Amino acid sequence: MPESSNQLNEQIARLNKDTIPQGVAISKDIIDFENKSIVFSFKDYKQTQCEIVKLQKQEVKKLTKILAKISNTPQKDLLNETKSGLDCKPAEKNGNYSVFYEGLSEDVEIIYEIDYKDTGRIFGYLVGNKLNIVAIKKTHLK
């Protein structure tokens, strides 16, 4: 039995060094999605909810800028407005927001709403670092 915590730490360090090969300690198969930037998918996009055609030229420019900002954001920072600069919050699965959940896999638990400053909103759900966009709206839902 070790007499001090220093001795215990030394024994643990020796054990790890001697018995765990480097390739086993960190698997190359593990993907760190939290540190990968967001990418987009439109496979579940709901054309019936699309309001892009209602956007004016300046609003389209804002949408393009916000999409670029999202795509440069690590997945782990998406919900942190201080780090990402994005107003991103969960959209409840009830009321007017329930239409976004219709027809999606039951595995989709949370759709996020990204507000881009008085112009519109992007709705989507995350799988790893992929934001599956289901709608882009100009009007605010309550």
Protein backbone atom coordinates (compact mmCIF):
# COMPACT_ATOMS: atom_id res chain seq x y z
CA MET A 1 0.00 0.00 0.00
CA PRO A 2 1.45 3.42 -0.93
CA GLU A 3 2.36 5.66 1.96
CA SER A 4 1.47 8.96 0.26
CA SER A 5 -0.56 10.29 -2.62
CA ASN A 6 2.69 11.05 -4.47
CA GLN A 7 3.66 7.38 -4.31
CA LEU A 8 0.19 6.37 -5.51
CA ASN A 9 0.39 8.83 -8.43
CA GLU A 10 3.83 7.46 -9.35
CA GLN A 11 2.52 3.90 -9.31
CA ILE A 12 -0.46 4.85 -11.48
CA ALA A 13 1.80 6.67 -13.93
CA ARG A 14 4.09 3.62 -14.17
CA LEU A 15 1.11 1.29 -14.60
CA ASN A 16 -0.35 3.42 -17.42
CA LYS A 17 3.03 3.77 -19.12
CA ASP A 18 3.91 0.11 -18.84
CA THR A 19 0.60 -1.59 -19.62
CA ILE A 20 -1.51 0.60 -21.93
CA PRO A 21 -0.19 0.87 -25.48
CA GLN A 22 -0.57 4.33 -27.03
CA GLY A 23 -2.83 3.04 -29.82
CA VAL A 24 -5.28 1.63 -27.31
CA ALA A 25 -5.35 4.68 -25.09
CA ILE A 26 -6.59 6.92 -27.91
CA SER A 27 -8.57 5.22 -30.64
CA LYS A 28 -8.34 6.68 -34.13
CA ASP A 29 -11.99 5.62 -34.62
CA ILE A 30 -13.25 8.16 -32.08
CA ILE A 31 -14.41 11.35 -33.77
CA ASP A 32 -14.46 14.50 -31.68
CA PHE A 33 -17.59 16.16 -33.09
CA GLU A 34 -17.60 18.79 -30.32
CA ASN A 35 -14.51 20.43 -31.79
CA LYS A 36 -15.53 20.10 -35.44
CA SER A 37 -17.20 23.03 -37.17
CA ILE A 38 -20.86 22.84 -38.10
CA VAL A 39 -21.76 21.50 -41.55
CA PHE A 40 -25.21 21.65 -43.14
CA SER A 41 -27.68 19.10 -44.46
CA PHE A 42 -31.04 19.84 -46.06
CA LYS A 43 -32.27 16.23 -46.27
CA ASP A 44 -35.24 16.97 -43.99
CA TYR A 45 -35.91 20.50 -45.29
CA LYS A 46 -39.64 21.32 -45.29
CA GLN A 47 -40.43 23.21 -48.49
CA THR A 48 -43.93 24.00 -47.20
CA GLN A 49 -42.38 26.03 -44.35
CA CYS A 50 -39.80 27.79 -46.53
CA GLU A 51 -39.97 31.59 -46.54
CA ILE A 52 -36.72 32.36 -48.34
CA VAL A 53 -38.72 33.82 -51.25
CA LYS A 54 -40.07 36.48 -48.87
CA LEU A 55 -36.58 37.78 -48.06
CA GLN A 56 -35.41 41.06 -49.51
CA LYS A 57 -31.86 41.49 -50.88
CA GLN A 58 -30.45 42.82 -47.57
CA GLU A 59 -32.15 40.02 -45.65
CA VAL A 60 -30.61 37.41 -47.98
CA LYS A 61 -27.20 38.95 -47.27
CA LYS A 62 -27.85 38.62 -43.52
CA LEU A 63 -28.91 34.99 -43.99
CA THR A 64 -25.74 34.24 -45.96
CA LYS A 65 -23.59 35.87 -43.27
CA ILE A 66 -25.29 33.93 -40.48
CA LEU A 67 -24.90 30.63 -42.37
CA ALA A 68 -21.18 31.40 -42.81
CA LYS A 69 -20.90 32.22 -39.09
CA ILE A 70 -22.66 28.97 -38.14
CA SER A 71 -20.38 26.93 -40.42
CA ASN A 72 -17.32 28.38 -38.66
CA THR A 73 -18.66 27.55 -35.20
CA PRO A 74 -17.50 24.42 -33.36
CA GLN A 75 -20.44 22.21 -32.42
CA LYS A 76 -19.60 22.57 -28.71
CA ASP A 77 -20.03 26.37 -28.93
CA LEU A 78 -23.27 26.52 -30.92
CA LEU A 79 -25.50 26.99 -27.87
CA ASN A 80 -23.09 29.34 -26.10
CA GLU A 81 -24.03 32.82 -27.32
CA THR A 82 -20.96 34.37 -25.69
CA LYS A 83 -18.56 32.10 -27.61
CA SER A 84 -20.49 31.75 -30.87
CA GLY A 85 -22.22 35.12 -31.15
CA LEU A 86 -25.32 33.17 -32.23
CA ASP A 87 -28.79 33.41 -30.71
CA CYS A 88 -29.48 29.66 -30.70
CA LYS A 89 -32.05 28.06 -28.43
CA PRO A 90 -34.24 24.94 -28.36
CA ALA A 91 -37.63 25.16 -30.08
CA GLU A 92 -40.28 23.35 -28.09
CA LYS A 93 -41.95 20.31 -29.61
CA ASN A 94 -45.42 21.85 -29.14
CA GLY A 95 -47.49 24.76 -30.39
CA ASN A 96 -46.46 26.43 -33.64
CA TYR A 97 -43.05 24.73 -33.51
CA SER A 98 -44.52 21.21 -33.70
CA VAL A 99 -44.75 21.44 -37.51
CA PHE A 100 -40.94 21.25 -37.69
CA TYR A 101 -40.93 17.88 -35.92
CA GLU A 102 -43.51 16.29 -38.21
CA GLY A 103 -42.13 13.50 -40.37
CA LEU A 104 -38.75 13.45 -38.63
CA SER A 105 -37.25 10.39 -37.00
CA GLU A 106 -38.36 9.80 -33.41
CA ASP A 107 -34.67 10.12 -32.51
CA VAL A 108 -34.87 13.87 -33.12
CA GLU A 109 -35.49 15.23 -29.65
CA ILE A 110 -34.54 18.90 -30.06
CA ILE A 111 -34.82 21.32 -32.93
CA TYR A 112 -32.84 24.51 -32.47
CA GLU A 113 -33.95 27.97 -33.52
CA ILE A 114 -31.20 30.32 -34.63
CA ASP A 115 -32.42 33.91 -34.75
CA TYR A 116 -30.57 36.20 -37.11
CA LYS A 117 -31.37 39.68 -35.88
CA ASP A 118 -34.82 40.85 -36.93
CA THR A 119 -34.55 39.12 -40.30
CA GLY A 120 -35.54 35.52 -39.74
CA ARG A 121 -34.86 32.19 -38.14
CA ILE A 122 -33.15 28.96 -39.07
CA PHE A 123 -34.56 25.74 -37.59
CA GLY A 124 -32.57 22.52 -37.45
CA TYR A 125 -31.36 19.61 -35.38
CA LEU A 126 -27.86 18.37 -34.68
CA VAL A 127 -26.35 14.98 -35.39
CA GLY A 128 -22.71 15.19 -34.36
CA ASN A 129 -21.50 18.38 -35.99
CA LYS A 130 -24.13 18.29 -38.77
CA LEU A 131 -26.96 20.83 -38.56
CA ASN A 132 -29.91 19.32 -40.44
CA ILE A 133 -31.84 22.42 -41.48
CA VAL A 134 -35.59 21.80 -41.56
CA ALA A 135 -36.83 25.34 -42.23
CA ILE A 136 -35.81 28.94 -42.80
CA LYS A 137 -38.50 31.38 -41.71
CA LYS A 138 -38.90 35.11 -41.98
CA THR A 139 -41.79 35.41 -39.55
CA HIS A 140 -41.51 34.87 -35.82
CA LEU A 141 -43.39 31.93 -34.33
CA LYS A 142 -44.92 32.02 -30.84
